[in-house]
Each structure stands twice: as structure tokens, then as C-alpha cells.
């Protein structure tokens, strides 16, 4: 069973000029317990746009989707981190 950790980064969105918190999910290395490898990163604006309208965060619904793809902020997470 894989174990995960999450890293957060507070940024100013380059597409919408608003403050958001990006998250990255890292899976722990089974051989070296002091390292974790990037599984994927998420942006709350992109994730919110995928939800049904009734379940969307009202504040984030003002930003219908990401206008910059690929977002350089999403790729700024390290591929491997030390735990």
C-alpha cells in the first residue's frame, strides 16, 4: 500500500490575478523512506470547474477555467522531496 504526503504552495494566479493555494500529492519511496516523488499537482480553479454547478465553490466559480495552459506554477513543484 502506497503512502502519500501533500505539499502546498500559495501563489498569485498568473491567469486570473488572484491568490490560490496549489497542492501537490507525493508518494513515499518504498526503498528510501526519506524521499517522496511527485504524483500530480492540482489547482483549485481547475478542480472547481470540473464539479457540478451546485457543488462548486462560489468564490472560485468566478474563474470558469484556466486561461494559461500549461501553467508554469503547476510545474514548479519539485519532482522529488525530502521527508
N, C-alpha and C. Protein backbone atom coordinates (compact mmCIF):
# COMPACT_ATOMS: atom_id res chain seq x y z
N UNK A 1 0.84 -1.17 0.00
CA UNK A 1 0.00 0.00 0.00
C UNK A 1 0.88 1.24 0.00
N UNK A 2 0.65 2.13 -0.96
CA UNK A 2 1.44 3.36 -1.05
C UNK A 2 0.96 4.37 -0.03
N UNK A 3 1.92 5.13 0.49
CA UNK A 3 1.61 6.21 1.41
C UNK A 3 1.92 7.52 0.71
N UNK A 4 1.13 8.54 1.03
CA UNK A 4 1.25 9.83 0.36
C UNK A 4 1.44 10.96 1.35
N UNK A 5 1.97 12.06 0.84
CA UNK A 5 2.03 13.30 1.59
C UNK A 5 1.64 14.41 0.62
N UNK A 6 1.20 15.53 1.16
CA UNK A 6 0.75 16.64 0.32
C UNK A 6 1.57 17.88 0.66
N UNK A 7 1.97 18.60 -0.38
CA UNK A 7 2.69 19.85 -0.23
C UNK A 7 1.82 20.96 -0.82
N UNK A 8 1.83 22.12 -0.18
CA UNK A 8 1.01 23.24 -0.63
C UNK A 8 1.90 24.42 -1.02
N UNK A 9 1.41 25.19 -1.98
CA UNK A 9 2.12 26.39 -2.41
C UNK A 9 1.09 27.51 -2.62
N UNK A 10 1.29 28.63 -1.94
CA UNK A 10 0.41 29.78 -2.09
C UNK A 10 0.99 30.68 -3.18
N UNK A 11 0.18 30.97 -4.19
CA UNK A 11 0.66 31.76 -5.33
C UNK A 11 -0.38 32.80 -5.75
N UNK A 12 0.04 33.71 -6.59
CA UNK A 12 -0.88 34.61 -7.26
C UNK A 12 -1.08 34.03 -8.66
N UNK A 13 -2.31 33.68 -8.97
CA UNK A 13 -2.63 33.04 -10.25
C UNK A 13 -2.25 33.96 -11.41
N UNK A 14 -1.38 33.48 -12.33
CA UNK A 14 -1.00 34.32 -13.46
C UNK A 14 -2.14 34.55 -14.46
N UNK A 15 -3.12 33.68 -14.47
CA UNK A 15 -4.23 33.82 -15.42
C UNK A 15 -5.30 34.78 -14.92
N UNK A 16 -5.61 34.73 -13.62
CA UNK A 16 -6.73 35.49 -13.07
C UNK A 16 -6.32 36.55 -12.05
N UNK A 17 -5.05 36.65 -11.74
CA UNK A 17 -4.55 37.66 -10.81
C UNK A 17 -5.25 37.60 -9.44
N UNK A 18 -5.38 36.36 -8.93
CA UNK A 18 -5.98 36.15 -7.61
C UNK A 18 -5.09 35.19 -6.82
N UNK A 19 -5.27 35.18 -5.50
CA UNK A 19 -4.50 34.30 -4.64
C UNK A 19 -5.14 32.92 -4.60
N UNK A 20 -4.35 31.87 -4.83
CA UNK A 20 -4.83 30.49 -4.76
C UNK A 20 -3.76 29.63 -4.07
N UNK A 21 -4.19 28.47 -3.60
CA UNK A 21 -3.28 27.51 -2.98
C UNK A 21 -3.24 26.25 -3.83
N UNK A 22 -2.10 26.03 -4.46
CA UNK A 22 -1.90 24.81 -5.25
C UNK A 22 -1.50 23.68 -4.31
N UNK A 23 -1.83 22.46 -4.68
CA UNK A 23 -1.41 21.32 -3.87
C UNK A 23 -0.77 20.28 -4.78
N UNK A 24 0.20 19.58 -4.21
CA UNK A 24 0.88 18.51 -4.94
C UNK A 24 0.86 17.27 -4.07
N UNK A 25 0.51 16.15 -4.66
CA UNK A 25 0.48 14.88 -3.94
C UNK A 25 1.75 14.10 -4.29
N UNK A 26 2.46 13.68 -3.25
CA UNK A 26 3.71 12.93 -3.39
C UNK A 26 3.53 11.55 -2.78
N UNK A 27 4.03 10.53 -3.47
CA UNK A 27 4.01 9.18 -2.89
C UNK A 27 5.38 8.87 -2.31
N UNK A 28 5.38 8.22 -1.16
CA UNK A 28 6.62 7.91 -0.46
C UNK A 28 7.36 6.80 -1.17
N UNK A 29 8.66 6.96 -1.29
CA UNK A 29 9.53 5.97 -1.91
C UNK A 29 9.59 4.73 -1.01
N UNK A 30 9.32 3.57 -1.57
CA UNK A 30 9.30 2.33 -0.77
C UNK A 30 10.71 1.89 -0.36
N UNK A 31 11.73 2.27 -1.14
CA UNK A 31 13.10 1.88 -0.83
C UNK A 31 13.82 2.90 0.05
N UNK A 32 13.54 4.16 -0.15
CA UNK A 32 14.18 5.23 0.62
C UNK A 32 13.08 6.02 1.32
N UNK A 33 12.85 5.73 2.58
CA UNK A 33 11.73 6.33 3.32
C UNK A 33 11.87 7.82 3.54
N UNK A 34 13.02 8.41 3.20
CA UNK A 34 13.22 9.85 3.40
C UNK A 34 12.88 10.65 2.15
N UNK A 35 12.43 9.98 1.06
CA UNK A 35 12.10 10.67 -0.18
C UNK A 35 10.66 10.41 -0.59
N UNK A 36 10.12 11.39 -1.31
CA UNK A 36 8.78 11.26 -1.88
C UNK A 36 8.81 11.79 -3.31
N UNK A 37 8.05 11.16 -4.20
CA UNK A 37 8.04 11.50 -5.61
C UNK A 37 6.68 12.10 -6.00
N UNK A 38 6.73 13.09 -6.86
CA UNK A 38 5.52 13.79 -7.30
C UNK A 38 4.59 12.84 -8.05
N UNK A 39 3.34 12.77 -7.61
CA UNK A 39 2.31 12.00 -8.31
C UNK A 39 1.54 12.94 -9.25
N UNK A 40 1.04 14.07 -8.70
CA UNK A 40 0.35 15.06 -9.51
C UNK A 40 0.15 16.34 -8.70
N UNK A 41 -0.15 17.42 -9.40
CA UNK A 41 -0.42 18.71 -8.77
C UNK A 41 -1.84 19.13 -9.15
N UNK A 42 -2.47 19.90 -8.27
CA UNK A 42 -3.85 20.37 -8.52
C UNK A 42 -3.97 21.86 -8.27
N UNK A 43 -4.81 22.48 -9.08
CA UNK A 43 -5.15 23.89 -8.92
C UNK A 43 -6.63 23.95 -8.53
N UNK A 44 -6.98 24.70 -7.49
CA UNK A 44 -8.37 24.74 -7.07
C UNK A 44 -9.31 25.34 -8.13
N UNK A 45 -8.81 26.23 -8.96
CA UNK A 45 -9.66 26.82 -10.01
C UNK A 45 -10.02 25.76 -11.05
N UNK A 46 -9.04 24.97 -11.47
CA UNK A 46 -9.28 23.92 -12.46
C UNK A 46 -10.18 22.83 -11.86
N UNK A 47 -9.88 22.41 -10.64
CA UNK A 47 -10.67 21.36 -9.99
C UNK A 47 -12.11 21.82 -9.76
N UNK A 48 -12.30 23.07 -9.38
CA UNK A 48 -13.64 23.60 -9.14
C UNK A 48 -14.47 23.60 -10.43
N UNK A 49 -13.82 23.91 -11.54
CA UNK A 49 -14.55 23.96 -12.82
C UNK A 49 -15.04 22.59 -13.27
N UNK A 50 -14.46 21.52 -12.73
CA UNK A 50 -14.86 20.15 -13.09
C UNK A 50 -16.09 19.68 -12.30
N UNK A 51 -16.42 20.39 -11.23
CA UNK A 51 -17.54 19.98 -10.37
C UNK A 51 -18.88 20.43 -10.94
N UNK A 52 -19.96 19.74 -10.58
CA UNK A 52 -21.29 20.23 -10.96
C UNK A 52 -21.52 21.61 -10.32
N UNK A 53 -22.32 22.42 -10.95
CA UNK A 53 -22.53 23.81 -10.51
C UNK A 53 -22.95 23.90 -9.04
N UNK A 54 -23.79 23.00 -8.57
CA UNK A 54 -24.26 23.05 -7.18
C UNK A 54 -23.16 22.74 -6.17
N UNK A 55 -22.13 22.02 -6.59
CA UNK A 55 -21.05 21.64 -5.67
C UNK A 55 -19.84 22.56 -5.77
N UNK A 56 -19.87 23.52 -6.67
CA UNK A 56 -18.73 24.41 -6.86
C UNK A 56 -18.59 25.41 -5.72
N UNK A 57 -17.35 25.76 -5.44
CA UNK A 57 -17.05 26.83 -4.50
C UNK A 57 -17.48 28.14 -5.17
N UNK A 58 -18.36 28.89 -4.52
CA UNK A 58 -18.93 30.10 -5.13
C UNK A 58 -17.87 31.14 -5.45
N UNK A 59 -16.86 31.30 -4.58
CA UNK A 59 -15.81 32.28 -4.84
C UNK A 59 -14.97 31.89 -6.05
N UNK A 60 -14.68 30.61 -6.19
CA UNK A 60 -13.86 30.16 -7.31
C UNK A 60 -14.66 30.06 -8.61
N UNK A 61 -15.97 30.04 -8.53
CA UNK A 61 -16.79 29.92 -9.74
C UNK A 61 -16.72 31.18 -10.61
N UNK A 62 -16.18 32.28 -10.08
CA UNK A 62 -15.97 33.48 -10.88
C UNK A 62 -14.87 33.27 -11.92
N UNK A 63 -14.04 32.27 -11.70
CA UNK A 63 -12.96 31.93 -12.62
C UNK A 63 -13.34 30.62 -13.30
N UNK A 64 -13.96 30.67 -14.47
CA UNK A 64 -14.54 29.47 -15.09
C UNK A 64 -13.54 28.38 -15.46
N UNK A 65 -12.31 28.73 -15.79
CA UNK A 65 -11.30 27.73 -16.12
C UNK A 65 -9.95 28.43 -16.19
N UNK A 66 -8.94 27.65 -16.45
CA UNK A 66 -7.60 28.21 -16.57
C UNK A 66 -7.41 28.74 -17.99
N UNK A 67 -6.91 29.96 -18.09
CA UNK A 67 -6.67 30.55 -19.41
C UNK A 67 -5.25 30.33 -19.90
N UNK A 68 -4.38 29.86 -19.02
CA UNK A 68 -2.98 29.63 -19.39
C UNK A 68 -2.69 28.14 -19.25
N UNK A 69 -2.38 27.49 -20.37
CA UNK A 69 -2.06 26.07 -20.31
C UNK A 69 -0.83 25.80 -21.15
N UNK A 70 0.15 25.11 -20.66
CA UNK A 70 0.28 24.61 -19.29
C UNK A 70 0.71 25.73 -18.35
N UNK A 71 0.23 25.67 -17.15
CA UNK A 71 0.53 26.68 -16.14
C UNK A 71 1.93 26.43 -15.58
N UNK A 72 2.78 27.44 -15.64
CA UNK A 72 4.16 27.25 -15.15
C UNK A 72 4.19 27.06 -13.65
N UNK A 73 3.21 27.60 -12.92
CA UNK A 73 3.17 27.45 -11.46
C UNK A 73 2.91 25.99 -11.07
N UNK A 74 2.12 25.29 -11.86
CA UNK A 74 1.82 23.89 -11.57
C UNK A 74 3.06 23.02 -11.79
N UNK A 75 3.91 23.39 -12.71
CA UNK A 75 5.11 22.60 -12.98
C UNK A 75 6.29 23.00 -12.10
N UNK A 76 6.10 23.96 -11.20
CA UNK A 76 7.17 24.41 -10.33
C UNK A 76 7.35 23.54 -9.07
N UNK A 77 6.53 22.53 -8.89
CA UNK A 77 6.71 21.62 -7.77
C UNK A 77 7.91 20.72 -8.06
N UNK A 78 8.69 20.43 -7.05
CA UNK A 78 9.85 19.56 -7.21
C UNK A 78 9.38 18.13 -7.53
N UNK A 79 10.13 17.45 -8.38
CA UNK A 79 9.76 16.08 -8.74
C UNK A 79 10.01 15.10 -7.60
N UNK A 80 10.97 15.43 -6.72
CA UNK A 80 11.27 14.62 -5.54
C UNK A 80 11.51 15.55 -4.37
N UNK A 81 10.99 15.19 -3.20
CA UNK A 81 11.21 15.99 -2.00
C UNK A 81 11.77 15.10 -0.88
N UNK A 82 12.45 15.73 0.05
CA UNK A 82 12.95 15.03 1.22
C UNK A 82 11.89 15.11 2.32
N UNK A 83 11.67 14.00 3.00
CA UNK A 83 10.68 13.96 4.08
C UNK A 83 11.38 14.17 5.41
